[in-house]
Amino acid sequence: MIHPQIRGYWELQAARVQLLEAISPRGGLGEAVKQATLFLHGYAVNVTHVVSGTLASSHLVDFAAGGAETYRYKIRVRDSAAGLIYISPLTVNPFTGDKPSEYGLVEHRKGGAHAFYRRTYEEAGPFALLIAHNVIYGRLPRGGNIIGIAGTAASGVLGAAQSLGGSI
């Protein structure tokens, strides 16, 4: 009588759990979105032209992942993660009394070097995707061919986000 043996079953199950955590909105994917959004926020602040500093300091960042909603805006996400960078609608310039959320749009629409969010997307977007990729890749299981399969899955997730307008 032949008694087949299965080797590596528990290791495979552990790798499967680790892979699912790596691409979970509340796990690796959520952390990837958070790190990429923080990087993009910092870039937007740095490329915003400064007169009084109110507009640059008005850029806010918010996150939501896996069934949650962002803190300031009611943006619901179910099985995904989202990062949001925006100009605070509550901030008022102490020197002029104007709202950066209003004059920031005028500044951005001037285009070129004034278009802080467009510049952030075009100049820093590829680096943000790399940051997100590295976060997810760093959480993938190691050993055997599982890393190749998981790496392809992570690239697919990031590629899909980029094709949707780079919203990661």
Foldseek 3Di string as FASTA:
>chain_A
DDDDDDPCPVVVVVLVVLLCQLCFQVHLQVVLQVVLLVVLLVQLLVLADDDPSQLSVQKDKWKDTAQGATDPDGDGDHGHMAMDIAGDQPGADPVPRHGSNVVLVVQLVVDDSSVSNVCSCVPVLVVSLVSSLCSSLVSHDDDDCSSVVSSVVSVVVSVVCVVVVSRD
